[in-house]
Amino acid sequence: MESRVAVLEQIARATTASLERIERGMDAQKSEQRAFQDRIERRMDMLGAEHRADFRWLLGVMLAGFTTLLGAFGAMLGVMAHGFHWL
């Protein structure tokens, strides 16, 4: 009976040590995961700012092109009006 109790006590000590080691490993993984998530969030914020800048530039180019197109159309109508003696 004593030997069985001794074996159970040994198993309990080994289990306790294993659980502590597993908990330390999980804590280390959690801290690594938080650090990784922070890096990803910083990168996404940086990319978001770049995308906003690209969008503003593209919007400016589109508006400038549209304005140029309207000006060219107006000039063409002016030339036609002059040529057809509408004015």
PDB file of N, CA and C in Angstrom:
ATOM      1  N   MET A   1       0.808  -1.186   0.000  1.00  0.00           N
ATOM      2  CA  MET A   1       0.000   0.000   0.000  1.00  0.00           C
ATOM      3  C   MET A   1       0.862   1.265   0.000  1.00  0.00           C
ATOM      4  N   GLU A   2       1.934   1.238   0.788  1.00  0.00           N
ATOM      5  CA  GLU A   2       2.830   2.391   0.868  1.00  0.00           C
ATOM      6  C   GLU A   2       3.457   2.694  -0.489  1.00  0.00           C
ATOM      7  N   SER A   3       3.813   1.678  -1.230  1.00  0.00           N
ATOM      8  CA  SER A   3       4.456   1.896  -2.533  1.00  0.00           C
ATOM      9  C   SER A   3       3.473   2.547  -3.514  1.00  0.00           C
ATOM     10  N   ARG A   4       2.199   2.156  -3.428  1.00  0.00           N
ATOM     11  CA  ARG A   4       1.187   2.747  -4.310  1.00  0.00           C
ATOM     12  C   ARG A   4       0.989   4.227  -3.983  1.00  0.00           C
ATOM     13  N   VAL A   5       0.955   4.547  -2.709  1.00  0.00           N
ATOM     14  CA  VAL A   5       0.805   5.941  -2.302  1.00  0.00           C
ATOM     15  C   VAL A   5       2.021   6.747  -2.754  1.00  0.00           C
ATOM     16  N   ALA A   6       3.197   6.166  -2.635  1.00  0.00           N
ATOM     17  CA  ALA A   6       4.425   6.851  -3.057  1.00  0.00           C
ATOM     18  C   ALA A   6       4.402   7.118  -4.554  1.00  0.00           C
ATOM     19  N   VAL A   7       3.921   6.134  -5.339  1.00  0.00           N
ATOM     20  CA  VAL A   7       3.825   6.308  -6.791  1.00  0.00           C
ATOM     21  C   VAL A   7       2.828   7.416  -7.118  1.00  0.00           C
ATOM     22  N   LEU A   8       1.669   7.417  -6.425  1.00  0.00           N
ATOM     23  CA  LEU A   8       0.668   8.463  -6.653  1.00  0.00           C
ATOM     24  C   LEU A   8       1.211   9.842  -6.290  1.00  0.00           C
ATOM     25  N   GLU A   9       1.960   9.923  -5.200  1.00  0.00           N
ATOM     26  CA  GLU A   9       2.561  11.197  -4.815  1.00  0.00           C
ATOM     27  C   GLU A   9       3.565  11.659  -5.870  1.00  0.00           C
ATOM     28  N   GLN A  10       4.355  10.726  -6.388  1.00  0.00           N
ATOM     29  CA  GLN A  10       5.323  11.063  -7.447  1.00  0.00           C
ATOM     30  C   GLN A  10       4.594  11.557  -8.693  1.00  0.00           C
ATOM     31  N   ILE A  11       3.508  10.887  -9.054  1.00  0.00           N
ATOM     32  CA  ILE A  11       2.712  11.305 -10.218  1.00  0.00           C
ATOM     33  C   ILE A  11       2.134  12.699  -9.976  1.00  0.00           C
ATOM     34  N   ALA A  12       1.649  12.957  -8.773  1.00  0.00           N
ATOM     35  CA  ALA A  12       1.084  14.264  -8.450  1.00  0.00           C
ATOM     36  C   ALA A  12       2.153  15.359  -8.557  1.00  0.00           C
ATOM     37  N   ARG A  13       3.381  15.094  -8.074  1.00  0.00           N
ATOM     38  CA  ARG A  13       4.457  16.091  -8.178  1.00  0.00           C
ATOM     39  C   ARG A  13       4.827  16.334  -9.635  1.00  0.00           C
ATOM     40  N   ALA A  14       4.916  15.252 -10.392  1.00  0.00           N
ATOM     41  CA  ALA A  14       5.261  15.395 -11.815  1.00  0.00           C
ATOM     42  C   ALA A  14       4.164  16.159 -12.556  1.00  0.00           C
ATOM     43  N   THR A  15       2.910  15.879 -12.219  1.00  0.00           N
ATOM     44  CA  THR A  15       1.792  16.570 -12.865  1.00  0.00           C
ATOM     45  C   THR A  15       1.801  18.047 -12.515  1.00  0.00           C
ATOM     46  N   THR A  16       2.068  18.360 -11.252  1.00  0.00           N
ATOM     47  CA  THR A  16       2.129  19.759 -10.824  1.00  0.00           C
ATOM     48  C   THR A  16       3.249  20.494 -11.559  1.00  0.00           C
ATOM     49  N   ALA A  17       4.403  19.864 -11.652  1.00  0.00           N
ATOM     50  CA  ALA A  17       5.532  20.488 -12.361  1.00  0.00           C
ATOM     51  C   ALA A  17       5.201  20.673 -13.841  1.00  0.00           C
ATOM     52  N   SER A  18       4.557  19.677 -14.433  1.00  0.00           N
ATOM     53  CA  SER A  18       4.183  19.785 -15.851  1.00  0.00           C
ATOM     54  C   SER A  18       3.176  20.905 -16.067  1.00  0.00           C
ATOM     55  N   LEU A  19       2.198  21.009 -15.182  1.00  0.00           N
ATOM     56  CA  LEU A  19       1.197  22.068 -15.308  1.00  0.00           C
ATOM     57  C   LEU A  19       1.831  23.453 -15.174  1.00  0.00           C
ATOM     58  N   GLU A  20       2.772  23.586 -14.251  1.00  0.00           N
ATOM     59  CA  GLU A  20       3.458  24.876 -14.100  1.00  0.00           C
ATOM     60  C   GLU A  20       4.248  25.219 -15.358  1.00  0.00           C
ATOM     61  N   ARG A  21       4.917  24.225 -15.917  1.00  0.00           N
ATOM     62  CA  ARG A  21       5.684  24.445 -17.143  1.00  0.00           C
ATOM     63  C   ARG A  21       4.752  24.811 -18.306  1.00  0.00           C
ATOM     64  N   ILE A  22       3.618  24.142 -18.394  1.00  0.00           N
ATOM     65  CA  ILE A  22       2.646  24.454 -19.445  1.00  0.00           C
ATOM     66  C   ILE A  22       2.102  25.867 -19.270  1.00  0.00           C
ATOM     67  N   GLU A  23       1.809  26.262 -18.038  1.00  0.00           N
ATOM     68  CA  GLU A  23       1.308  27.612 -17.785  1.00  0.00           C
ATOM     69  C   GLU A  23       2.341  28.670 -18.151  1.00  0.00           C
ATOM     70  N   ARG A  24       3.611  28.417 -17.835  1.00  0.00           N
ATOM     71  CA  ARG A  24       4.658  29.368 -18.216  1.00  0.00           C
ATOM     72  C   ARG A  24       4.762  29.471 -19.729  1.00  0.00           C
ATOM     73  N   GLY A  25       4.673  28.326 -20.395  1.00  0.00           N
ATOM     74  CA  GLY A  25       4.722  28.337 -21.861  1.00  0.00           C
ATOM     75  C   GLY A  25       3.545  29.092 -22.465  1.00  0.00           C
ATOM     76  N   MET A  26       2.366  28.900 -21.887  1.00  0.00           N
ATOM     77  CA  MET A  26       1.189  29.609 -22.382  1.00  0.00           C
ATOM     78  C   MET A  26       1.310  31.111 -22.140  1.00  0.00           C
ATOM     79  N   ASP A  27       1.853  31.498 -20.985  1.00  0.00           N
ATOM     80  CA  ASP A  27       2.059  32.922 -20.711  1.00  0.00           C
ATOM     81  C   ASP A  27       3.048  33.522 -21.713  1.00  0.00           C
ATOM     82  N   ALA A  28       4.105  32.774 -22.022  1.00  0.00           N
ATOM     83  CA  ALA A  28       5.087  33.251 -22.996  1.00  0.00           C
ATOM     84  C   ALA A  28       4.444  33.395 -24.375  1.00  0.00           C
ATOM     85  N   GLN A  29       3.609  32.425 -24.753  1.00  0.00           N
ATOM     86  CA  GLN A  29       2.926  32.504 -26.041  1.00  0.00           C
ATOM     87  C   GLN A  29       1.962  33.683 -26.085  1.00  0.00           C
ATOM     88  N   LYS A  30       1.274  33.934 -24.975  1.00  0.00           N
ATOM     89  CA  LYS A  30       0.359  35.074 -24.935  1.00  0.00           C
ATOM     90  C   LYS A  30       1.111  36.384 -25.121  1.00  0.00           C
ATOM     91  N   SER A  31       2.251  36.525 -24.457  1.00  0.00           N
ATOM     92  CA  SER A  31       3.021  37.769 -24.599  1.00  0.00           C
ATOM     93  C   SER A  31       3.570  37.906 -26.015  1.00  0.00           C
ATOM     94  N   GLU A  32       4.019  36.802 -26.619  1.00  0.00           N
ATOM     95  CA  GLU A  32       4.487  36.852 -28.001  1.00  0.00           C
ATOM     96  C   GLU A  32       3.344  37.198 -28.946  1.00  0.00           C
ATOM     97  N   GLN A  33       2.170  36.638 -28.690  1.00  0.00           N
ATOM     98  CA  GLN A  33       1.015  36.919 -29.533  1.00  0.00           C
ATOM     99  C   GLN A  33       0.602  38.383 -29.416  1.00  0.00           C
ATOM    100  N   ARG A  34       0.640  38.931 -28.196  1.00  0.00           N
ATOM    101  CA  ARG A  34       0.313  40.353 -28.021  1.00  0.00           C
ATOM    102  C   ARG A  34       1.302  41.230 -28.771  1.00  0.00           C
ATOM    103  N   ALA A  35       2.589  40.902 -28.677  1.00  0.00           N
ATOM    104  CA  ALA A  35       3.613  41.679 -29.380  1.00  0.00           C
ATOM    105  C   ALA A  35       3.401  41.593 -30.892  1.00  0.00           C
ATOM    106  N   PHE A  36       3.085  40.403 -31.391  1.00  0.00           N
ATOM    107  CA  PHE A  36       2.836  40.216 -32.817  1.00  0.00           C
ATOM    108  C   PHE A  36       1.601  41.005 -33.244  1.00  0.00           C
ATOM    109  N   GLN A  37       0.558  40.950 -32.442  1.00  0.00           N
ATOM    110  CA  GLN A  37      -0.667  41.680 -32.759  1.00  0.00           C
ATOM    111  C   GLN A  37      -0.416  43.185 -32.761  1.00  0.00           C
ATOM    112  N   ASP A  38       0.395  43.667 -31.830  1.00  0.00           N
ATOM    113  CA  ASP A  38       0.738  45.094 -31.807  1.00  0.00           C
ATOM    114  C   ASP A  38       1.492  45.500 -33.066  1.00  0.00           C
ATOM    115  N   ARG A  39       2.445  44.642 -33.497  1.00  0.00           N
ATOM    116  CA  ARG A  39       3.180  44.936 -34.728  1.00  0.00           C
ATOM    117  C   ARG A  39       2.243  44.971 -35.926  1.00  0.00           C
ATOM    118  N   ILE A  40       1.309  44.019 -35.987  1.00  0.00           N
ATOM    119  CA  ILE A  40       0.355  43.969 -37.102  1.00  0.00           C
ATOM    120  C   ILE A  40      -0.530  45.215 -37.090  1.00  0.00           C
ATOM    121  N   GLU A  41      -1.003  45.610 -35.916  1.00  0.00           N
ATOM    122  CA  GLU A  41      -1.859  46.790 -35.835  1.00  0.00           C
ATOM    123  C   GLU A  41      -1.111  48.054 -36.245  1.00  0.00           C
ATOM    124  N   ARG A  42       0.158  48.179 -35.833  1.00  0.00           N
ATOM    125  CA  ARG A  42       0.945  49.344 -36.247  1.00  0.00           C
ATOM    126  C   ARG A  42       1.122  49.351 -37.759  1.00  0.00           C
ATOM    127  N   ARG A  43       1.380  48.187 -38.330  1.00  0.00           N
ATOM    128  CA  ARG A  43       1.565  48.077 -39.787  1.00  0.00           C
ATOM    129  C   ARG A  43       0.268  48.424 -40.516  1.00  0.00           C
ATOM    130  N   MET A  44      -0.858  47.944 -39.999  1.00  0.00           N
ATOM    131  CA  MET A  44      -2.140  48.250 -40.635  1.00  0.00           C
ATOM    132  C   MET A  44      -2.444  49.739 -40.553  1.00  0.00           C
ATOM    133  N   ASP A  45      -2.131  50.369 -39.425  1.00  0.00           N
ATOM    134  CA  ASP A  45      -2.329  51.814 -39.303  1.00  0.00           C
ATOM    135  C   ASP A  45      -1.475  52.560 -40.319  1.00  0.00           C
ATOM    136  N   MET A  46      -0.225  52.108 -40.469  1.00  0.00           N
ATOM    137  CA  MET A  46       0.670  52.752 -41.422  1.00  0.00           C
ATOM    138  C   MET A  46       0.148  52.568 -42.852  1.00  0.00           C
ATOM    139  N   LEU A  47      -0.309  51.362 -43.179  1.00  0.00           N
ATOM    140  CA  LEU A  47      -0.847  51.114 -44.512  1.00  0.00           C
ATOM    141  C   LEU A  47      -2.122  51.912 -44.742  1.00  0.00           C
ATOM    142  N   GLY A  48      -2.947  52.035 -43.702  1.00  0.00           N
ATOM    143  CA  GLY A  48      -4.169  52.818 -43.832  1.00  0.00           C
ATOM    144  C   GLY A  48      -3.861  54.263 -44.174  1.00  0.00           C
ATOM    145  N   ALA A  49      -2.836  54.833 -43.552  1.00  0.00           N
ATOM    146  CA  ALA A  49      -2.446  56.211 -43.859  1.00  0.00           C
ATOM    147  C   ALA A  49      -1.946  56.312 -45.297  1.00  0.00           C
ATOM    148  N   GLU A  50      -1.192  55.313 -45.740  1.00  0.00           N
ATOM    149  CA  GLU A  50      -0.705  55.319 -47.123  1.00  0.00           C
ATOM    150  C   GLU A  50      -1.861  55.224 -48.101  1.00  0.00           C
ATOM    151  N   HIS A  51      -2.856  54.393 -47.799  1.00  0.00           N
ATOM    152  CA  HIS A  51      -4.004  54.253 -48.686  1.00  0.00           C
ATOM    153  C   HIS A  51      -4.808  55.541 -48.751  1.00  0.00           C
ATOM    154  N   ARG A  52      -4.950  56.217 -47.613  1.00  0.00           N
ATOM    155  CA  ARG A  52      -5.668  57.490 -47.626  1.00  0.00           C
ATOM    156  C   ARG A  52      -4.947  58.501 -48.500  1.00  0.00           C
ATOM    157  N   ALA A  53      -3.618  58.544 -48.406  1.00  0.00           N
ATOM    158  CA  ALA A  53      -2.837  59.470 -49.226  1.00  0.00           C
ATOM    159  C   ALA A  53      -2.979  59.119 -50.703  1.00  0.00           C
ATOM    160  N   ASP A  54      -2.913  57.830 -51.035  1.00  0.00           N
ATOM    161  CA  ASP A  54      -3.080  57.409 -52.425  1.00  0.00           C
ATOM    162  C   ASP A  54      -4.470  57.755 -52.935  1.00  0.00           C
ATOM    163  N   PHE A  55      -5.480  57.563 -52.093  1.00  0.00           N
ATOM    164  CA  PHE A  55      -6.846  57.870 -52.508  1.00  0.00           C
ATOM    165  C   PHE A  55      -6.998  59.363 -52.776  1.00  0.00           C
ATOM    166  N   ARG A  56      -6.439  60.194 -51.912  1.00  0.00           N
ATOM    167  CA  ARG A  56      -6.539  61.650 -52.109  1.00  0.00           C
ATOM    168  C   ARG A  56      -5.832  62.062 -53.395  1.00  0.00           C
ATOM    169  N   TRP A  57      -4.670  61.485 -53.664  1.00  0.00           N
ATOM    170  CA  TRP A  57      -3.950  61.806 -54.884  1.00  0.00           C
ATOM    171  C   TRP A  57      -4.760  61.386 -56.102  1.00  0.00           C
ATOM    172  N   LEU A  58      -5.301  60.193 -56.080  1.00  0.00           N
ATOM    173  CA  LEU A  58      -6.094  59.700 -57.200  1.00  0.00           C
ATOM    174  C   LEU A  58      -7.342  60.553 -57.393  1.00  0.00           C
ATOM    175  N   LEU A  59      -7.990  60.930 -56.318  1.00  0.00           N
ATOM    176  CA  LEU A  59      -9.174  61.784 -56.410  1.00  0.00           C
ATOM    177  C   LEU A  59      -8.802  63.136 -57.019  1.00  0.00           C
ATOM    178  N   GLY A  60      -7.671  63.694 -56.637  1.00  0.00           N
ATOM    179  CA  GLY A  60      -7.210  64.954 -57.215  1.00  0.00           C
ATOM    180  C   GLY A  60      -6.955  64.837 -58.707  1.00  0.00           C
ATOM    181  N   VAL A  61      -6.327  63.744 -59.116  1.00  0.00           N
ATOM    182  CA  VAL A  61      -6.057  63.528 -60.540  1.00  0.00           C
ATOM    183  C   VAL A  61      -7.366  63.391 -61.307  1.00  0.00           C
ATOM    184  N   MET A  62      -8.307  62.671 -60.749  1.00  0.00           N
ATOM    185  CA  MET A  62      -9.598  62.492 -61.430  1.00  0.00           C
ATOM    186  C   MET A  62     -10.340  63.820 -61.549  1.00  0.00           C
ATOM    187  N   LEU A  63     -10.347  64.606 -60.481  1.00  0.00           N
ATOM    188  CA  LEU A  63     -11.022  65.902 -60.542  1.00  0.00           C
ATOM    189  C   LEU A  63     -10.331  66.845 -61.526  1.00  0.00           C
ATOM    190  N   ALA A  64      -9.015  66.836 -61.556  1.00  0.00           N
ATOM    191  CA  ALA A  64      -8.286  67.674 -62.508  1.00  0.00           C
ATOM    192  C   ALA A  64      -8.588  67.237 -63.939  1.00  0.00           C
ATOM    193  N   GLY A  65      -8.633  65.956 -64.176  1.00  0.00           N
ATOM    194  CA  GLY A  65      -8.961  65.452 -65.514  1.00  0.00           C
ATOM    195  C   GLY A  65     -10.372  65.817 -65.919  1.00  0.00           C
ATOM    196  N   PHE A  66     -11.298  65.697 -64.993  1.00  0.00           N
ATOM    197  CA  PHE A  66     -12.686  66.048 -65.289  1.00  0.00           C
ATOM    198  C   PHE A  66     -12.805  67.536 -65.590  1.00  0.00           C
ATOM    199  N   THR A  67     -12.099  68.366 -64.821  1.00  0.00           N
ATOM    200  CA  THR A  67     -12.124  69.812 -65.044  1.00  0.00           C
ATOM    201  C   THR A  67     -11.515  70.148 -66.404  1.00  0.00           C
ATOM    202  N   THR A  68     -10.424  69.489 -66.743  1.00  0.00           N
ATOM    203  CA  THR A  68      -9.798  69.703 -68.047  1.00  0.00           C
ATOM    204  C   THR A  68     -10.734  69.289 -69.171  1.00  0.00           C
ATOM    205  N   LEU A  69     -11.421  68.172 -68.993  1.00  0.00           N
ATOM    206  CA  LEU A  69     -12.376  67.705 -70.000  1.00  0.00           C
ATOM    207  C   LEU A  69     -13.515  68.700 -70.175  1.00  0.00           C
ATOM    208  N   LEU A  70     -14.040  69.222 -69.065  1.00  0.00           N
ATOM    209  CA  LEU A  70     -15.100  70.222 -69.171  1.00  0.00           C
ATOM    210  C   LEU A  70     -14.604  71.487 -69.859  1.00  0.00           C
ATOM    211  N   GLY A  71     -13.385  71.914 -69.548  1.00  0.00           N
ATOM    212  CA  GLY A  71     -12.808  73.093 -70.201  1.00  0.00           C
ATOM    213  C   GLY A  71     -12.642  72.887 -71.689  1.00  0.00           C
ATOM    214  N   ALA A  72     -12.142  71.695 -72.074  1.00  0.00           N
ATOM    215  CA  ALA A  72     -11.961  71.389 -73.488  1.00  0.00           C
ATOM    216  C   ALA A  72     -13.311  71.347 -74.207  1.00  0.00           C
ATOM    217  N   PHE A  73     -14.330  70.769 -73.550  1.00  0.00           N
ATOM    218  CA  PHE A  73     -15.665  70.721 -74.150  1.00  0.00           C
ATOM    219  C   PHE A  73     -16.229  72.134 -74.317  1.00  0.00           C
ATOM    220  N   GLY A  74     -16.038  72.965 -73.300  1.00  0.00           N
ATOM    221  CA  GLY A  74     -16.492  74.357 -73.395  1.00  0.00           C
ATOM    222  C   GLY A  74     -15.776  75.101 -74.507  1.00  0.00           C
ATOM    223  N   ALA A  75     -14.466  74.885 -74.633  1.00  0.00           N
ATOM    224  CA  ALA A  75     -13.705  75.534 -75.709  1.00  0.00           C
ATOM    225  C   ALA A  75     -14.188  75.064 -77.065  1.00  0.00           C
ATOM    226  N   MET A  76     -14.474  73.773 -77.185  1.00  0.00           N
ATOM    227  CA  MET A  76     -14.970  73.242 -78.448  1.00  0.00           C
ATOM    228  C   MET A  76     -16.326  73.853 -78.800  1.00  0.00           C
ATOM    229  N   LEU A  77     -17.194  74.001 -77.794  1.00  0.00           N
ATOM    230  CA  LEU A  77     -18.485  74.633 -78.050  1.00  0.00           C
ATOM    231  C   LEU A  77     -18.308  76.094 -78.448  1.00  0.00           C
ATOM    232  N   GLY A  78     -17.352  76.772 -77.843  1.00  0.00           N
ATOM    233  CA  GLY A  78     -17.068  78.160 -78.215  1.00  0.00           C
ATOM    234  C   GLY A  78     -16.602  78.272 -79.649  1.00  0.00           C
ATOM    235  N   VAL A  79     -15.705  77.376 -80.055  1.00  0.00           N
ATOM    236  CA  VAL A  79     -15.217  77.379 -81.437  1.00  0.00           C
ATOM    237  C   VAL A  79     -16.357  77.067 -82.395  1.00  0.00           C
ATOM    238  N   MET A  80     -17.194  76.097 -82.043  1.00  0.00           N
ATOM    239  CA  MET A  80     -18.341  75.767 -82.907  1.00  0.00           C
ATOM    240  C   MET A  80     -19.312  76.941 -83.003  1.00  0.00           C
ATOM    241  N   ALA A  81     -19.574  77.592 -81.861  1.00  0.00           N
ATOM    242  CA  ALA A  81     -20.494  78.733 -81.862  1.00  0.00           C
ATOM    243  C   ALA A  81     -19.944  79.857 -82.739  1.00  0.00           C
ATOM    244  N   HIS A  82     -18.638  80.063 -82.671  1.00  0.00           N
ATOM    245  CA  HIS A  82     -18.035  81.095 -83.506  1.00  0.00           C
ATOM    246  C   HIS A  82     -18.082  80.697 -84.983  1.00  0.00           C
ATOM    247  N   GLY A  83     -17.767  79.414 -85.242  1.00  0.00           N
ATOM    248  CA  GLY A  83     -17.749  78.947 -86.633  1.00  0.00           C
ATOM    249  C   GLY A  83     -19.114  78.941 -87.275  1.00  0.00           C
ATOM    250  N   PHE A  84     -20.145  78.583 -86.531  1.00  0.00           N
ATOM    251  CA  PHE A  84     -21.510  78.553 -87.062  1.00  0.00           C
ATOM    252  C   PHE A  84     -22.243  79.876 -86.903  1.00  0.00           C
ATOM    253  N   HIS A  85     -21.508  80.872 -86.410  1.00  0.00           N
ATOM    254  CA  HIS A  85     -22.051  82.238 -86.227  1.00  0.00           C
ATOM    255  C   HIS A  85     -23.258  82.245 -85.303  1.00  0.00           C
ATOM    256  N   TRP A  86     -23.153  81.452 -84.215  1.00  0.00           N
ATOM    257  CA  TRP A  86     -24.225  81.448 -83.240  1.00  0.00           C
ATOM    258  C   TRP A  86     -24.092  82.642 -82.302  1.00  0.00           C
ATOM    259  N   LEU A  87     -22.920  83.164 -82.218  1.00  0.00           N
ATOM    260  CA  LEU A  87     -22.675  84.296 -81.328  1.00  0.00           C
ATOM    261  C   LEU A  87     -22.465  85.562 -82.111  1.00  0.00           C
TER     262      LEU A  87
END
